[in-house]
């Protein structure tokens, strides 16, 4: 799994200012099953960051946002079925 995560972070590292545009492209042009898998990845990231007890200045705002998002889900992990 780490190899795949590194590939994603390498893409983001080279295109950090375009990350939201990459997300929009996935939402608008990817197959629905891939969109569902991308959301699973996003939920996993949000959940992990929401429980991050030691953010630093570089990701403090990300952790705060993830905590708010996770709280809005009433601490129930969203169900994203495989169809």
PDB file of N, CA and C in Angstrom:
ATOM      1  N   UNK A   1       0.807  -1.202   0.000  1.00  0.00           N
ATOM      2  CA  UNK A   1       0.000   0.000   0.000  1.00  0.00           C
ATOM      3  C   UNK A   1       0.849   1.264   0.000  1.00  0.00           C
ATOM      4  N   UNK A   2       1.979   1.226   0.678  1.00  0.00           N
ATOM      5  CA  UNK A   2       2.801   2.420   0.778  1.00  0.00           C
ATOM      6  C   UNK A   2       3.276   2.896  -0.593  1.00  0.00           C
ATOM      7  N   UNK A   3       3.535   1.960  -1.484  1.00  0.00           N
ATOM      8  CA  UNK A   3       3.990   2.331  -2.827  1.00  0.00           C
ATOM      9  C   UNK A   3       2.925   3.154  -3.551  1.00  0.00           C
ATOM     10  N   UNK A   4       1.656   2.736  -3.436  1.00  0.00           N
ATOM     11  CA  UNK A   4       0.572   3.481  -4.073  1.00  0.00           C
ATOM     12  C   UNK A   4       0.398   4.858  -3.426  1.00  0.00           C
ATOM     13  N   UNK A   5       0.495   4.894  -2.097  1.00  0.00           N
ATOM     14  CA  UNK A   5       0.375   6.174  -1.397  1.00  0.00           C
ATOM     15  C   UNK A   5       1.495   7.117  -1.829  1.00  0.00           C
ATOM     16  N   UNK A   6       2.689   6.585  -1.993  1.00  0.00           N
ATOM     17  CA  UNK A   6       3.811   7.413  -2.444  1.00  0.00           C
ATOM     18  C   UNK A   6       3.581   7.959  -3.848  1.00  0.00           C
ATOM     19  N   UNK A   7       2.973   7.158  -4.724  1.00  0.00           N
ATOM     20  CA  UNK A   7       2.686   7.635  -6.075  1.00  0.00           C
ATOM     21  C   UNK A   7       1.709   8.813  -6.037  1.00  0.00           C
ATOM     22  N   UNK A   8       0.691   8.695  -5.189  1.00  0.00           N
ATOM     23  CA  UNK A   8      -0.294   9.780  -5.071  1.00  0.00           C
ATOM     24  C   UNK A   8       0.366  11.027  -4.503  1.00  0.00           C
ATOM     25  N   UNK A   9       1.164  10.868  -3.447  1.00  0.00           N
ATOM     26  CA  UNK A   9       1.808  12.043  -2.858  1.00  0.00           C
ATOM     27  C   UNK A   9       2.840  12.650  -3.803  1.00  0.00           C
ATOM     28  N   UNK A  10       3.487  11.834  -4.630  1.00  0.00           N
ATOM     29  CA  UNK A  10       4.412  12.377  -5.627  1.00  0.00           C
ATOM     30  C   UNK A  10       3.668  13.266  -6.618  1.00  0.00           C
ATOM     31  N   UNK A  11       2.493  12.832  -7.046  1.00  0.00           N
ATOM     32  CA  UNK A  11       1.678  13.637  -7.967  1.00  0.00           C
ATOM     33  C   UNK A  11       1.285  14.948  -7.304  1.00  0.00           C
ATOM     34  N   UNK A  12       0.834  14.880  -6.048  1.00  0.00           N
ATOM     35  CA  UNK A  12       0.433  16.082  -5.333  1.00  0.00           C
ATOM     36  C   UNK A  12       1.615  16.996  -5.047  1.00  0.00           C
ATOM     37  N   UNK A  13       2.764  16.420  -4.782  1.00  0.00           N
ATOM     38  CA  UNK A  13       3.949  17.223  -4.494  1.00  0.00           C
ATOM     39  C   UNK A  13       4.340  18.065  -5.696  1.00  0.00           C
ATOM     40  N   UNK A  14       4.192  17.519  -6.876  1.00  0.00           N
ATOM     41  CA  UNK A  14       4.536  18.258  -8.086  1.00  0.00           C
ATOM     42  C   UNK A  14       3.430  19.188  -8.561  1.00  0.00           C
ATOM     43  N   UNK A  15       2.226  18.996  -8.049  1.00  0.00           N
ATOM     44  CA  UNK A  15       1.076  19.767  -8.520  1.00  0.00           C
ATOM     45  C   UNK A  15       0.227  20.289  -7.364  1.00  0.00           C
ATOM     46  N   UNK A  16       0.844  20.648  -6.248  1.00  0.00           N
ATOM     47  CA  UNK A  16       0.072  20.983  -5.053  1.00  0.00           C
ATOM     48  C   UNK A  16      -0.928  22.109  -5.280  1.00  0.00           C
ATOM     49  N   UNK A  17      -0.607  23.041  -6.131  1.00  0.00           N
ATOM     50  CA  UNK A  17      -1.529  24.144  -6.386  1.00  0.00           C
ATOM     51  C   UNK A  17      -2.704  23.714  -7.266  1.00  0.00           C
ATOM     52  N   UNK A  18      -2.595  22.547  -7.870  1.00  0.00           N
ATOM     53  CA  UNK A  18      -3.646  22.052  -8.752  1.00  0.00           C
ATOM     54  C   UNK A  18      -4.438  20.909  -8.123  1.00  0.00           C
ATOM     55  N   UNK A  19      -4.243  20.643  -6.832  1.00  0.00           N
ATOM     56  CA  UNK A  19      -4.884  19.501  -6.183  1.00  0.00           C
ATOM     57  C   UNK A  19      -6.401  19.557  -6.299  1.00  0.00           C
ATOM     58  N   UNK A  20      -7.002  20.721  -6.084  1.00  0.00           N
ATOM     59  CA  UNK A  20      -8.467  20.805  -6.171  1.00  0.00           C
ATOM     60  C   UNK A  20      -8.932  20.591  -7.607  1.00  0.00           C
ATOM     61  N   UNK A  21      -8.138  21.015  -8.573  1.00  0.00           N
ATOM     62  CA  UNK A  21      -8.499  20.785  -9.976  1.00  0.00           C
ATOM     63  C   UNK A  21      -8.399  19.303 -10.324  1.00  0.00           C
ATOM     64  N   UNK A  22      -7.423  18.625  -9.759  1.00  0.00           N
ATOM     65  CA  UNK A  22      -7.302  17.183  -9.973  1.00  0.00           C
ATOM     66  C   UNK A  22      -8.537  16.492  -9.396  1.00  0.00           C
ATOM     67  N   UNK A  23      -8.951  16.903  -8.194  1.00  0.00           N
ATOM     68  CA  UNK A  23     -10.163  16.353  -7.586  1.00  0.00           C
ATOM     69  C   UNK A  23     -11.388  16.595  -8.444  1.00  0.00           C
ATOM     70  N   UNK A  24     -11.494  17.793  -9.018  1.00  0.00           N
ATOM     71  CA  UNK A  24     -12.629  18.111  -9.890  1.00  0.00           C
ATOM     72  C   UNK A  24     -12.618  17.253 -11.149  1.00  0.00           C
ATOM     73  N   UNK A  25     -11.433  17.016 -11.687  1.00  0.00           N
ATOM     74  CA  UNK A  25     -11.328  16.161 -12.881  1.00  0.00           C
ATOM     75  C   UNK A  25     -11.789  14.740 -12.564  1.00  0.00           C
ATOM     76  N   UNK A  26     -11.402  14.230 -11.402  1.00  0.00           N
ATOM     77  CA  UNK A  26     -11.843  12.890 -11.005  1.00  0.00           C
ATOM     78  C   UNK A  26     -13.356  12.867 -10.872  1.00  0.00           C
ATOM     79  N   UNK A  27     -13.924  13.905 -10.245  1.00  0.00           N
ATOM     80  CA  UNK A  27     -15.371  13.969 -10.044  1.00  0.00           C
ATOM     81  C   UNK A  27     -16.133  14.070 -11.357  1.00  0.00           C
ATOM     82  N   UNK A  28     -15.562  14.762 -12.316  1.00  0.00           N
ATOM     83  CA  UNK A  28     -16.285  15.019 -13.566  1.00  0.00           C
ATOM     84  C   UNK A  28     -16.028  14.016 -14.680  1.00  0.00           C
ATOM     85  N   UNK A  29     -14.874  13.366 -14.658  1.00  0.00           N
ATOM     86  CA  UNK A  29     -14.518  12.563 -15.822  1.00  0.00           C
ATOM     87  C   UNK A  29     -14.183  11.106 -15.544  1.00  0.00           C
ATOM     88  N   UNK A  30     -14.101  10.723 -14.275  1.00  0.00           N
ATOM     89  CA  UNK A  30     -13.753   9.337 -13.962  1.00  0.00           C
ATOM     90  C   UNK A  30     -14.991   8.454 -13.918  1.00  0.00           C
ATOM     91  N   UNK A  31     -14.765   7.185 -14.113  1.00  0.00           N
ATOM     92  CA  UNK A  31     -15.832   6.187 -14.010  1.00  0.00           C
ATOM     93  C   UNK A  31     -16.405   6.224 -12.592  1.00  0.00           C
ATOM     94  N   UNK A  32     -17.731   6.065 -12.424  1.00  0.00           N
ATOM     95  CA  UNK A  32     -18.344   6.113 -11.096  1.00  0.00           C
ATOM     96  C   UNK A  32     -17.715   5.176 -10.066  1.00  0.00           C
ATOM     97  N   UNK A  33     -17.269   3.999 -10.494  1.00  0.00           N
ATOM     98  CA  UNK A  33     -16.618   3.094  -9.548  1.00  0.00           C
ATOM     99  C   UNK A  33     -15.300   3.688  -9.057  1.00  0.00           C
ATOM    100  N   UNK A  34     -14.556   4.331  -9.943  1.00  0.00           N
ATOM    101  CA  UNK A  34     -13.316   4.986  -9.537  1.00  0.00           C
ATOM    102  C   UNK A  34     -13.592   6.164  -8.621  1.00  0.00           C
ATOM    103  N   UNK A  35     -14.690   6.882  -8.877  1.00  0.00           N
ATOM    104  CA  UNK A  35     -15.073   7.979  -7.985  1.00  0.00           C
ATOM    105  C   UNK A  35     -15.376   7.448  -6.585  1.00  0.00           C
ATOM    106  N   UNK A  36     -16.055   6.309  -6.531  1.00  0.00           N
ATOM    107  CA  UNK A  36     -16.381   5.685  -5.249  1.00  0.00           C
ATOM    108  C   UNK A  36     -15.094   5.279  -4.516  1.00  0.00           C
ATOM    109  N   UNK A  37     -14.145   4.718  -5.224  1.00  0.00           N
ATOM    110  CA  UNK A  37     -12.878   4.328  -4.615  1.00  0.00           C
ATOM    111  C   UNK A  37     -12.073   5.542  -4.167  1.00  0.00           C
ATOM    112  N   UNK A  38     -12.111   6.597  -4.965  1.00  0.00           N
ATOM    113  CA  UNK A  38     -11.433   7.830  -4.570  1.00  0.00           C
ATOM    114  C   UNK A  38     -12.036   8.364  -3.270  1.00  0.00           C
ATOM    115  N   UNK A  39     -13.359   8.291  -3.149  1.00  0.00           N
ATOM    116  CA  UNK A  39     -14.018   8.758  -1.932  1.00  0.00           C
ATOM    117  C   UNK A  39     -13.632   7.898  -0.743  1.00  0.00           C
ATOM    118  N   UNK A  40     -13.492   6.599  -0.958  1.00  0.00           N
ATOM    119  CA  UNK A  40     -13.020   5.725   0.131  1.00  0.00           C
ATOM    120  C   UNK A  40     -11.649   6.189   0.620  1.00  0.00           C
ATOM    121  N   UNK A  41     -10.786   6.548  -0.315  1.00  0.00           N
ATOM    122  CA  UNK A  41      -9.463   7.040   0.041  1.00  0.00           C
ATOM    123  C   UNK A  41      -9.580   8.350   0.822  1.00  0.00           C
ATOM    124  N   UNK A  42     -10.440   9.247   0.359  1.00  0.00           N
ATOM    125  CA  UNK A  42     -10.625  10.530   1.036  1.00  0.00           C
ATOM    126  C   UNK A  42     -11.172  10.335   2.447  1.00  0.00           C
ATOM    127  N   UNK A  43     -12.128   9.437   2.604  1.00  0.00           N
ATOM    128  CA  UNK A  43     -12.701   9.160   3.931  1.00  0.00           C
ATOM    129  C   UNK A  43     -11.620   8.605   4.859  1.00  0.00           C
ATOM    130  N   UNK A  44     -10.788   7.715   4.352  1.00  0.00           N
ATOM    131  CA  UNK A  44      -9.702   7.175   5.163  1.00  0.00           C
ATOM    132  C   UNK A  44      -8.743   8.266   5.616  1.00  0.00           C
ATOM    133  N   UNK A  45      -8.431   9.183   4.722  1.00  0.00           N
ATOM    134  CA  UNK A  45      -7.560  10.303   5.056  1.00  0.00           C
ATOM    135  C   UNK A  45      -8.212  11.194   6.113  1.00  0.00           C
ATOM    136  N   UNK A  46      -9.482  11.524   5.906  1.00  0.00           N
ATOM    137  CA  UNK A  46     -10.197  12.385   6.858  1.00  0.00           C
ATOM    138  C   UNK A  46     -10.245  11.741   8.238  1.00  0.00           C
ATOM    139  N   UNK A  47     -10.563  10.464   8.280  1.00  0.00           N
ATOM    140  CA  UNK A  47     -10.652   9.760   9.561  1.00  0.00           C
ATOM    141  C   UNK A  47      -9.305   9.771  10.284  1.00  0.00           C
ATOM    142  N   UNK A  48      -8.230   9.478   9.564  1.00  0.00           N
ATOM    143  CA  UNK A  48      -6.905   9.457  10.186  1.00  0.00           C
ATOM    144  C   UNK A  48      -6.486  10.840  10.672  1.00  0.00           C
ATOM    145  N   UNK A  49      -6.740  11.858   9.865  1.00  0.00           N
ATOM    146  CA  UNK A  49      -6.363  13.209  10.280  1.00  0.00           C
ATOM    147  C   UNK A  49      -7.216  13.701  11.448  1.00  0.00           C
ATOM    148  N   UNK A  50      -8.475  13.272  11.497  1.00  0.00           N
ATOM    149  CA  UNK A  50      -9.364  13.682  12.589  1.00  0.00           C
ATOM    150  C   UNK A  50      -8.888  13.135  13.925  1.00  0.00           C
ATOM    151  N   UNK A  51      -8.143  12.050  13.902  1.00  0.00           N
ATOM    152  CA  UNK A  51      -7.638  11.467  15.145  1.00  0.00           C
ATOM    153  C   UNK A  51      -6.163  11.794  15.365  1.00  0.00           C
ATOM    154  N   UNK A  52      -5.617  12.669  14.544  1.00  0.00           N
ATOM    155  CA  UNK A  52      -4.217  13.075  14.655  1.00  0.00           C
ATOM    156  C   UNK A  52      -4.073  13.989  15.869  1.00  0.00           C
ATOM    157  N   UNK A  53      -3.419  13.492  16.892  1.00  0.00           N
ATOM    158  CA  UNK A  53      -3.262  14.260  18.116  1.00  0.00           C
ATOM    159  C   UNK A  53      -2.081  15.205  18.112  1.00  0.00           C
ATOM    160  N   UNK A  54      -1.248  15.150  17.069  1.00  0.00           N
ATOM    161  CA  UNK A  54      -0.035  15.956  17.058  1.00  0.00           C
ATOM    162  C   UNK A  54       0.203  16.640  15.715  1.00  0.00           C
ATOM    163  N   UNK A  55      -0.731  17.490  15.274  1.00  0.00           N
ATOM    164  CA  UNK A  55      -0.477  18.194  14.017  1.00  0.00           C
ATOM    165  C   UNK A  55       0.629  19.230  14.214  1.00  0.00           C
ATOM    166  N   UNK A  56       1.297  19.571  13.142  1.00  0.00           N
ATOM    167  CA  UNK A  56       2.240  20.680  13.230  1.00  0.00           C
ATOM    168  C   UNK A  56       1.689  21.840  12.402  1.00  0.00           C
ATOM    169  N   UNK A  57       2.417  22.905  12.333  1.00  0.00           N
ATOM    170  CA  UNK A  57       1.925  24.100  11.651  1.00  0.00           C
ATOM    171  C   UNK A  57       1.574  23.891  10.192  1.00  0.00           C
ATOM    172  N   UNK A  58       2.181  22.891   9.565  1.00  0.00           N
ATOM    173  CA  UNK A  58       1.935  22.666   8.139  1.00  0.00           C
ATOM    174  C   UNK A  58       0.595  22.008   7.869  1.00  0.00           C
ATOM    175  N   UNK A  59       0.073  21.223   8.825  1.00  0.00           N
ATOM    176  CA  UNK A  59      -1.207  20.561   8.562  1.00  0.00           C
ATOM    177  C   UNK A  59      -2.235  20.804   9.671  1.00  0.00           C
ATOM    178  N   UNK A  60      -2.000  21.794  10.492  1.00  0.00           N
ATOM    179  CA  UNK A  60      -2.920  22.086  11.591  1.00  0.00           C
ATOM    180  C   UNK A  60      -4.333  22.386  11.088  1.00  0.00           C
ATOM    181  N   UNK A  61      -4.441  23.174  10.046  1.00  0.00           N
ATOM    182  CA  UNK A  61      -5.765  23.518   9.503  1.00  0.00           C
ATOM    183  C   UNK A  61      -6.443  22.301   8.878  1.00  0.00           C
ATOM    184  N   UNK A  62      -5.662  21.437   8.247  1.00  0.00           N
ATOM    185  CA  UNK A  62      -6.215  20.198   7.691  1.00  0.00           C
ATOM    186  C   UNK A  62      -6.798  19.340   8.799  1.00  0.00           C
ATOM    187  N   UNK A  63      -6.063  19.201   9.895  1.00  0.00           N
ATOM    188  CA  UNK A  63      -6.543  18.390  11.015  1.00  0.00           C
ATOM    189  C   UNK A  63      -7.815  18.999  11.599  1.00  0.00           C
ATOM    190  N   UNK A  64      -7.847  20.321  11.756  1.00  0.00           N
ATOM    191  CA  UNK A  64      -9.056  20.969  12.293  1.00  0.00           C
ATOM    192  C   UNK A  64     -10.256  20.729  11.382  1.00  0.00           C
ATOM    193  N   UNK A  65     -10.062  20.888  10.080  1.00  0.00           N
ATOM    194  CA  UNK A  65     -11.152  20.661   9.130  1.00  0.00           C
ATOM    195  C   UNK A  65     -11.604  19.208   9.164  1.00  0.00           C
ATOM    196  N   UNK A  66     -10.664  18.282   9.191  1.00  0.00           N
ATOM    197  CA  UNK A  66     -11.020  16.863   9.223  1.00  0.00           C
ATOM    198  C   UNK A  66     -11.794  16.522  10.496  1.00  0.00           C
ATOM    199  N   UNK A  67     -11.427  17.119  11.613  1.00  0.00           N
ATOM    200  CA  UNK A  67     -12.165  16.880  12.859  1.00  0.00           C
ATOM    201  C   UNK A  67     -13.602  17.364  12.739  1.00  0.00           C
ATOM    202  N   UNK A  68     -13.807  18.511  12.108  1.00  0.00           N
ATOM    203  CA  UNK A  68     -15.159  19.035  11.920  1.00  0.00           C
ATOM    204  C   UNK A  68     -15.967  18.154  10.970  1.00  0.00           C
ATOM    205  N   UNK A  69     -15.351  17.728   9.889  1.00  0.00           N
ATOM    206  CA  UNK A  69     -16.040  16.847   8.939  1.00  0.00           C
ATOM    207  C   UNK A  69     -16.416  15.543   9.626  1.00  0.00           C
ATOM    208  N   UNK A  70     -15.465  14.958  10.342  1.00  0.00           N
ATOM    209  CA  UNK A  70     -15.722  13.662  10.980  1.00  0.00           C
ATOM    210  C   UNK A  70     -16.810  13.795  12.031  1.00  0.00           C
ATOM    211  N   UNK A  71     -16.822  14.908  12.770  1.00  0.00           N
ATOM    212  CA  UNK A  71     -17.849  15.148  13.779  1.00  0.00           C
ATOM    213  C   UNK A  71     -19.224  15.223  13.110  1.00  0.00           C
ATOM    214  N   UNK A  72     -19.276  15.794  11.919  1.00  0.00           N
ATOM    215  CA  UNK A  72     -20.560  15.926  11.221  1.00  0.00           C
ATOM    216  C   UNK A  72     -21.111  14.575  10.777  1.00  0.00           C
ATOM    217  N   UNK A  73     -20.261  13.566  10.719  1.00  0.00           N
ATOM    218  CA  UNK A  73     -20.705  12.216  10.383  1.00  0.00           C
ATOM    219  C   UNK A  73     -21.118  11.440  11.621  1.00  0.00           C
ATOM    220  N   UNK A  74     -21.204  12.163  12.761  1.00  0.00           N
ATOM    221  CA  UNK A  74     -21.606  11.546  14.027  1.00  0.00           C
ATOM    222  C   UNK A  74     -20.765  10.328  14.366  1.00  0.00           C
ATOM    223  N   UNK A  75     -19.493  10.393  13.976  1.00  0.00           N
ATOM    224  CA  UNK A  75     -18.529   9.325  14.269  1.00  0.00           C
ATOM    225  C   UNK A  75     -18.956   7.965  13.726  1.00  0.00           C
ATOM    226  N   UNK A  76     -19.795   7.971  12.703  1.00  0.00           N
ATOM    227  CA  UNK A  76     -20.181   6.734  12.022  1.00  0.00           C
ATOM    228  C   UNK A  76     -19.459   6.733  10.687  1.00  0.00           C
ATOM    229  N   UNK A  77     -18.678   5.710  10.454  1.00  0.00           N
ATOM    230  CA  UNK A  77     -17.955   5.651   9.196  1.00  0.00           C
ATOM    231  C   UNK A  77     -18.943   5.528   8.045  1.00  0.00           C
ATOM    232  N   UNK A  78     -18.834   6.404   7.069  1.00  0.00           N
ATOM    233  CA  UNK A  78     -19.757   6.341   5.927  1.00  0.00           C
ATOM    234  C   UNK A  78     -19.652   5.003   5.205  1.00  0.00           C
ATOM    235  N   UNK A  79     -20.783   4.499   4.796  1.00  0.00           N
ATOM    236  CA  UNK A  79     -20.826   3.238   4.059  1.00  0.00           C
ATOM    237  C   UNK A  79     -20.793   3.544   2.565  1.00  0.00           C
ATOM    238  N   UNK A  80     -19.783   3.059   1.904  1.00  0.00           N
ATOM    239  CA  UNK A  80     -19.654   3.237   0.460  1.00  0.00           C
ATOM    240  C   UNK A  80     -19.617   1.845  -0.165  1.00  0.00           C
ATOM    241  N   UNK A  81     -20.776   1.346  -0.553  1.00  0.00           N
ATOM    242  CA  UNK A  81     -20.842  -0.038  -1.030  1.00  0.00           C
ATOM    243  C   UNK A  81     -20.119  -0.251  -2.356  1.00  0.00           C
ATOM    244  N   UNK A  82     -19.659  -1.464  -2.545  1.00  0.00           N
ATOM    245  CA  UNK A  82     -19.115  -1.870  -3.837  1.00  0.00           C
ATOM    246  C   UNK A  82     -20.271  -2.346  -4.687  1.00  0.00           C
ATOM    247  N   UNK A  83     -20.461  -1.728  -5.841  1.00  0.00           N
ATOM    248  CA  UNK A  83     -21.572  -2.108  -6.716  1.00  0.00           C
ATOM    249  C   UNK A  83     -21.012  -2.551  -8.060  1.00  0.00           C
TER     250      UNK A  83
END
